Amino acid sequence: MENTNFIIQFLEWLMSFDRAAVILAATAIGTGLAMIAGIGPGIGQGFAAGKGAEAVSYNPKTSKQVTTVMLLGAAVAETSGILSLVIALIMLYGNPMVNLSGGAIVIAASAIGAGLSMIAGIGPGIGQGYAAGKSTEMTGKRPKHQSSIVRTMFLGQAVAQTTGIYAMIIALVLMFANPLINLL
């Protein structure tokens, strides 16, 4: 019961501020949360680079092929970070939520939710980086199979990206077509 009173008091206090200020504050929080997704690509790209260095150390003659595969795979592993950056920039510079009519608390929560949803990009970044690293490693061991290795890597990375795309769709829905506002 005591926790419920605190939550109600907090929400009443929060709503005592200017409506637009509450929404913009929540947008700032959501924007920062969205960028947490950059952790995944960072880990994934580091893994790919490490596997590239390892492959070149075992077989220096394959360095050009290994580097090519590593760079291609690492570039794809960055996509979830890019999706998160797009959401963050939309929230900062083209925030559609500020002009929405409806409950400020729902709109503010939606801004935070849009940012939180992008954290799902951590998984694809790590998964795509893992695929890039293993492909880089195998190119170093079997350079004659580079084209089939890269083709398989790209296919696996495309499938791994679906979670990041789903997260971006949810963030866009919360920002542009929020069904929650119609329930008020």
Foldseek 3Di string as FASTA:
>chain_A
DVVVVVVVVVVVVLVVDDLLVLQLVLLVLLLVLLQLLQLQLVQLLVLLVVLLVVLCVVPVVLNVLLVVLSVVLSVLLCVLNVLSNVLSCCSVPVQQLSPDDADSVLSSVLSNLLSNLSNLSNQLSNQSSVLSSVLSNVCSVPVVCNVVSSVVSVVRSVVSCVSSVVSSVSSCCSRPVPPVRVVD
